[in-house]
Amino acid sequence: MGVEVNWRMCGLTSGLHAAEAIARNEPLADSRLAAALTEPALQLAAEIRAANLPAERFWRHLIPLSANLAGRRLLLEAALTKTIGRGARLEAMIPAFEAQLAAVDIANQTALPNLNEELALRERPLREQWEARGNGMMHRIGQVTDENLVVPQCDVLLVHPALGGAGEAHLAYNSVRIEAVLANPYAELPEVVRLAWLIAQLQLDLPRYSDTIHADRLPGIARFAMLPPALVAAEAVELMRFTPEMIAMAIAAWRLAVPEGIEAAAILSQWWQTYIEARPPWNVALAALDQMFG
């Protein structure tokens, strides 16, 4: 049985995706969105700093929750609770955050007034590619790792291509978000492979795989761990050829954050070769990769 994918679109999720990129100082590929969204996005980022929130953790909850919770206050209550827990401090934060969230939402709607219609058109190419090759890739990923790593169902949140190609796995929410580009930014790395790589990460928050890895480190380790299996799976369905050079290319093209002083591609190639030769349980392999990244 393959992965049951629910394709979804949400304007606020799209706006927050772009706002987070701006907060990380990533240049947007869409000039009209950059012009409208930069100021409110930076103001939201400033509010996060002023509240002394762990920014990465907050965004990690805020963006996927925005696809499921109607109403800005309800969304903020949930995201802040997941980030810092309940209490009087949380209640005091909400008014200022609600104003900044509204500004981001309005700016996004102003820049992209026909976003839902555009995303509906952009969905088709990726969905057709997924229906043709997606479950073949997921089956192969299960074969080379652990068949229980393949999630039975998930949500795919389509967002505007603010960066010209990007995506993120939301492990705690069984969803991924991916920019709905009309063409592959890199011919050697089709976007459907990126989608398989994102979906492949979703089971890694199960305790059987990651109970020895700190929750704040897990998303980063998951990104690297599932990269070789996804590329191997893409070769199996004749989308590309897997080589060590492709690992380095994917790390750069898909903007994986590499810790300072780490040769990520070399470490990942060595780790994967050792895994293929020894085939330890996946939790052991994952813990080893975590240690290799320091």
Protein backbone atom coordinates (compact mmCIF):
# COMPACT_ATOMS: atom_id res chain seq x y z
CA MET A 1 0.00 0.00 0.00
CA GLY A 2 1.27 3.46 -0.88
CA VAL A 3 1.23 6.75 0.98
CA GLU A 4 -2.16 8.46 1.00
CA VAL A 5 -1.44 12.10 0.20
CA ASN A 6 -3.89 14.90 0.96
CA TRP A 7 -3.09 17.92 -1.21
CA ARG A 8 -3.95 21.18 0.53
CA MET A 9 -3.60 24.93 0.04
CA CYS A 10 -3.69 27.67 2.69
CA GLY A 11 -2.98 31.33 2.07
CA LEU A 12 -1.75 32.06 5.60
CA THR A 13 0.61 29.08 5.53
CA SER A 14 2.03 30.39 2.26
CA GLY A 15 2.52 33.86 3.75
CA LEU A 16 4.21 32.52 6.88
CA HIS A 17 6.47 30.33 4.77
CA ALA A 18 7.72 33.45 2.97
CA ALA A 19 7.90 35.45 6.20
CA GLU A 20 10.12 32.85 7.83
CA ALA A 21 12.45 32.97 4.83
CA ILE A 22 12.71 36.74 5.16
CA ALA A 23 13.39 36.37 8.90
CA ARG A 24 16.31 34.06 8.00
CA ASN A 25 17.63 36.70 5.56
CA GLU A 26 16.91 34.56 2.52
CA PRO A 27 16.22 36.65 -0.60
CA LEU A 28 12.81 36.01 -2.12
CA ALA A 29 12.63 35.08 -5.79
CA ASP A 30 9.27 36.88 -6.13
CA SER A 31 9.87 40.65 -6.14
CA ARG A 32 6.22 41.60 -5.64
CA LEU A 33 6.02 39.41 -2.56
CA ALA A 34 9.32 40.75 -1.21
CA ALA A 35 8.12 44.33 -1.59
CA ALA A 36 4.88 43.71 0.29
CA LEU A 37 6.02 41.23 2.91
CA THR A 38 9.51 42.29 4.00
CA GLU A 39 8.47 44.94 6.53
CA PRO A 40 5.73 42.94 8.32
CA ALA A 41 7.87 39.80 8.27
CA LEU A 42 10.79 41.61 9.89
CA GLN A 43 8.43 43.13 12.46
CA LEU A 44 7.14 39.65 13.32
CA ALA A 45 10.73 38.42 13.63
CA ALA A 46 11.51 41.37 15.91
CA GLU A 47 8.51 40.48 18.09
CA ILE A 48 9.80 36.91 18.37
CA ARG A 49 13.20 38.22 19.53
CA ALA A 50 11.63 40.71 21.94
CA ALA A 51 9.60 37.91 23.52
CA ASN A 52 12.81 35.85 23.85
CA LEU A 53 11.23 32.91 22.06
CA PRO A 54 13.29 30.10 20.52
CA ALA A 55 12.60 31.28 16.98
CA GLU A 56 13.23 28.04 15.08
CA ARG A 57 10.96 26.09 17.42
CA PHE A 58 8.21 28.72 17.22
CA TRP A 59 8.19 28.76 13.41
CA ARG A 60 8.27 24.95 13.43
CA HIS A 61 4.88 24.96 15.17
CA LEU A 62 3.34 28.15 13.78
CA ILE A 63 3.56 27.30 10.08
CA PRO A 64 2.03 23.80 10.05
CA LEU A 65 -0.61 24.75 12.62
CA SER A 66 -1.69 27.64 10.37
CA ALA A 67 -3.04 25.09 7.89
CA ASN A 68 -5.35 23.54 10.47
CA LEU A 69 -6.48 26.23 12.90
CA ALA A 70 -8.93 28.96 11.89
CA GLY A 71 -8.49 32.29 13.65
CA ARG A 72 -5.24 34.05 14.47
CA ARG A 73 -5.69 34.00 18.24
CA LEU A 74 -6.37 30.26 18.31
CA LEU A 75 -3.35 29.68 16.09
CA LEU A 76 -1.08 31.77 18.29
CA GLU A 77 -2.31 30.16 21.49
CA ALA A 78 -1.53 26.73 20.08
CA ALA A 79 1.87 27.68 18.61
CA LEU A 80 3.02 29.53 21.73
CA THR A 81 1.86 26.73 24.01
CA LYS A 82 3.81 24.21 21.94
CA THR A 83 6.85 26.50 22.10
CA ILE A 84 6.96 27.64 25.75
CA GLY A 85 4.03 26.01 27.54
CA ARG A 86 0.99 27.63 29.12
CA GLY A 87 1.00 30.50 31.59
CA ALA A 88 0.47 34.20 32.15
CA ARG A 89 3.44 35.05 29.94
CA LEU A 90 1.71 33.44 26.99
CA GLU A 91 -1.50 35.42 27.45
CA ALA A 92 0.45 38.66 27.64
CA MET A 93 2.18 37.97 24.34
CA ILE A 94 -0.84 37.26 22.21
CA PRO A 95 -2.12 40.80 21.39
CA ALA A 96 1.19 41.99 19.93
CA PHE A 97 1.72 38.76 18.03
CA GLU A 98 -1.81 38.83 16.70
CA ALA A 99 -1.25 42.29 15.23
CA GLN A 100 1.99 41.20 13.54
CA LEU A 101 0.38 38.03 12.21
CA ALA A 102 -2.49 40.06 10.75
CA ALA A 103 0.00 42.37 9.02
CA VAL A 104 1.78 39.40 7.42
CA ASP A 105 -1.52 37.91 6.28
CA ILE A 106 -2.78 41.18 4.79
CA ALA A 107 0.52 41.85 3.01
CA ASN A 108 0.50 38.36 1.52
CA GLN A 109 -3.08 38.75 0.29
CA THR A 110 -2.26 42.16 -1.18
CA ALA A 111 0.75 40.84 -3.08
CA LEU A 112 -0.98 37.62 -4.21
CA PRO A 113 -4.72 38.36 -4.52
CA ASN A 114 -5.33 35.24 -6.65
CA LEU A 115 -3.16 32.88 -4.66
CA ASN A 116 -5.65 30.04 -4.30
CA GLU A 117 -6.36 29.99 -8.03
CA GLU A 118 -2.64 30.10 -8.82
CA LEU A 119 -1.87 27.24 -6.44
CA ALA A 120 -4.69 25.15 -7.91
CA LEU A 121 -3.04 25.48 -11.33
CA ARG A 122 0.43 24.85 -9.94
CA GLU A 123 -0.64 21.71 -8.11
CA ARG A 124 -1.20 19.67 -11.25
CA PRO A 125 2.40 19.12 -12.50
CA LEU A 126 3.72 18.01 -9.11
CA ARG A 127 0.68 15.89 -8.37
CA GLU A 128 0.93 14.10 -11.72
CA GLN A 129 4.60 13.36 -11.14
CA TRP A 130 3.86 12.10 -7.65
CA GLU A 131 1.08 9.83 -8.85
CA ALA A 132 3.43 8.38 -11.47
CA ARG A 133 6.56 7.89 -9.35
CA GLY A 134 5.87 8.84 -5.73
CA ASN A 135 4.82 5.54 -4.24
CA GLY A 136 7.55 3.75 -6.15
CA MET A 137 10.07 5.98 -4.41
CA MET A 138 8.48 5.50 -0.99
CA HIS A 139 8.49 1.72 -1.44
CA ARG A 140 12.20 1.80 -2.26
CA ILE A 141 12.92 4.08 0.71
CA GLY A 142 11.26 1.52 2.95
CA GLN A 143 13.34 -1.26 1.42
CA VAL A 144 16.67 0.44 2.02
CA THR A 145 15.85 1.73 5.52
CA ASP A 146 12.93 0.32 7.52
CA GLU A 147 9.52 -0.35 5.99
CA ASN A 148 7.87 1.15 9.09
CA LEU A 149 9.55 4.47 8.27
CA VAL A 150 7.10 5.02 5.42
CA VAL A 151 4.18 7.05 6.70
CA PRO A 152 0.75 5.67 5.68
CA GLN A 153 -0.76 9.09 5.02
CA CYS A 154 0.18 12.76 5.20
CA ASP A 155 -0.81 16.28 4.18
CA VAL A 156 1.11 18.11 1.46
CA LEU A 157 0.73 21.86 1.97
CA LEU A 158 1.33 23.69 -1.30
CA VAL A 159 2.74 27.19 -0.91
CA HIS A 160 3.65 29.98 -3.30
CA PRO A 161 7.20 29.62 -4.72
CA ALA A 162 8.61 32.54 -2.75
CA LEU A 163 12.14 31.15 -2.97
CA GLY A 164 11.85 29.54 -6.39
CA GLY A 165 11.84 26.06 -4.86
CA ALA A 166 11.82 25.04 -1.19
CA GLY A 167 10.12 22.77 1.30
CA GLU A 168 10.02 21.57 4.88
CA ALA A 169 8.84 18.47 6.76
CA HIS A 170 6.63 19.02 9.82
CA LEU A 171 7.39 15.90 11.82
CA ALA A 172 5.03 16.68 14.70
CA TYR A 173 2.10 17.37 12.38
CA ASN A 174 2.39 14.62 9.77
CA SER A 175 2.60 17.20 7.01
CA VAL A 176 5.11 18.72 4.63
CA ARG A 177 5.07 22.01 2.81
CA ILE A 178 6.53 22.49 -0.63
CA GLU A 179 6.65 25.39 -3.03
CA ALA A 180 4.46 24.71 -6.04
CA VAL A 181 6.91 25.51 -8.81
CA LEU A 182 5.89 24.92 -12.41
CA ALA A 183 9.31 23.64 -13.51
CA ASN A 184 12.22 21.94 -11.76
CA PRO A 185 14.74 24.57 -10.57
CA TYR A 186 17.44 21.91 -10.99
CA ALA A 187 16.97 19.44 -13.83
CA GLU A 188 19.13 16.85 -12.05
CA LEU A 189 16.93 17.02 -8.92
CA PRO A 190 13.23 16.87 -9.86
CA GLU A 191 10.88 18.45 -7.36
CA VAL A 192 9.01 15.17 -6.94
CA VAL A 193 12.23 13.77 -5.43
CA ARG A 194 12.29 16.66 -2.97
CA LEU A 195 8.70 15.78 -2.07
CA ALA A 196 9.58 12.13 -1.45
CA TRP A 197 12.53 13.23 0.72
CA LEU A 198 10.25 15.48 2.80
CA ILE A 199 7.58 12.80 3.28
CA ALA A 200 10.25 10.23 4.17
CA GLN A 201 11.18 12.29 7.25
CA LEU A 202 7.76 12.21 8.89
CA GLN A 203 8.07 9.02 10.93
CA LEU A 204 11.43 9.91 12.45
CA ASP A 205 9.86 11.54 15.49
CA LEU A 206 8.59 8.13 16.66
CA PRO A 207 10.43 7.17 19.88
CA ARG A 208 11.55 3.85 18.37
CA TYR A 209 13.78 5.84 16.00
CA SER A 210 14.76 9.03 17.77
CA ASP A 211 14.45 8.70 21.54
CA THR A 212 18.18 9.43 21.97
CA ILE A 213 18.12 12.63 19.86
CA HIS A 214 17.18 16.03 21.30
CA ALA A 215 13.88 17.29 19.92
CA ASP A 216 15.42 20.54 18.68
CA ARG A 217 18.15 18.64 16.79
CA LEU A 218 15.87 16.02 15.28
CA PRO A 219 14.49 18.05 12.33
CA GLY A 220 18.00 18.79 11.11
CA ILE A 221 19.22 15.22 11.54
CA ALA A 222 16.08 13.94 9.80
CA ARG A 223 16.79 16.13 6.76
CA PHE A 224 20.26 14.68 6.35
CA ALA A 225 19.37 11.08 7.25
CA MET A 226 16.67 10.72 4.62
CA LEU A 227 18.63 12.38 1.84
CA PRO A 228 20.60 9.33 0.62
CA PRO A 229 17.55 7.01 0.78
CA ALA A 230 15.50 9.51 -1.22
CA LEU A 231 18.18 9.83 -3.90
CA VAL A 232 18.60 6.05 -4.07
CA ALA A 233 14.82 5.74 -4.47
CA ALA A 234 14.82 8.34 -7.24
CA GLU A 235 17.36 6.27 -9.14
CA ALA A 236 15.16 3.18 -8.70
CA VAL A 237 12.30 4.91 -10.56
CA GLU A 238 14.68 6.29 -13.21
CA LEU A 239 14.45 9.95 -12.24
CA MET A 240 18.17 10.45 -11.67
CA ARG A 241 21.44 8.64 -11.00
CA PHE A 242 22.61 8.36 -7.40
CA THR A 243 26.23 9.38 -6.81
CA PRO A 244 28.12 10.97 -3.90
CA GLU A 245 28.21 14.17 -5.96
CA MET A 246 24.40 14.22 -5.98
CA ILE A 247 24.41 14.27 -2.17
CA ALA A 248 26.48 17.44 -2.21
CA MET A 249 24.29 18.96 -4.90
CA ALA A 250 21.09 18.23 -2.98
CA ILE A 251 22.51 19.71 0.24
CA ALA A 252 23.22 22.95 -1.62
CA ALA A 253 20.13 23.03 -3.84
CA TRP A 254 17.71 22.21 -1.04
CA ARG A 255 19.38 24.65 1.38
CA LEU A 256 20.16 22.25 4.21
CA ALA A 257 21.63 24.17 7.13
CA VAL A 258 25.12 22.76 7.72
CA PRO A 259 26.75 23.24 11.14
CA GLU A 260 29.90 25.36 11.03
CA GLY A 261 33.06 23.38 10.47
CA ILE A 262 31.19 20.31 9.20
CA GLU A 263 31.81 18.71 5.79
CA ALA A 264 28.24 17.52 5.50
CA ALA A 265 28.42 15.78 2.14
CA ALA A 266 31.52 13.80 3.08
CA ILE A 267 30.10 12.81 6.46
CA LEU A 268 26.78 11.80 4.94
CA SER A 269 28.42 9.73 2.19
CA GLN A 270 30.59 7.93 4.76
CA TRP A 271 27.62 7.33 7.06
CA TRP A 272 25.47 5.97 4.24
CA GLN A 273 28.20 3.62 2.99
CA THR A 274 28.69 2.27 6.51
CA TYR A 275 24.95 1.82 6.88
CA ILE A 276 24.63 -0.08 3.60
CA GLU A 277 27.49 -2.41 4.55
CA ALA A 278 26.39 -3.11 8.14
CA ARG A 279 22.62 -2.51 7.99
CA PRO A 280 22.16 -1.70 11.70
CA PRO A 281 18.68 -0.92 13.06
CA TRP A 282 17.57 2.51 11.88
CA ASN A 283 17.56 4.02 15.37
CA VAL A 284 21.22 3.01 15.77
CA ALA A 285 22.10 4.52 12.38
CA LEU A 286 20.25 7.73 13.23
CA ALA A 287 22.02 8.07 16.59
CA ALA A 288 25.35 7.55 14.86
CA LEU A 289 24.62 10.32 12.35
CA ASP A 290 23.63 12.64 15.19
CA GLN A 291 26.99 12.01 16.85
CA MET A 292 28.86 12.52 13.58
CA PHE A 293 27.29 15.96 13.25
CA GLY A 294 28.39 16.81 16.76
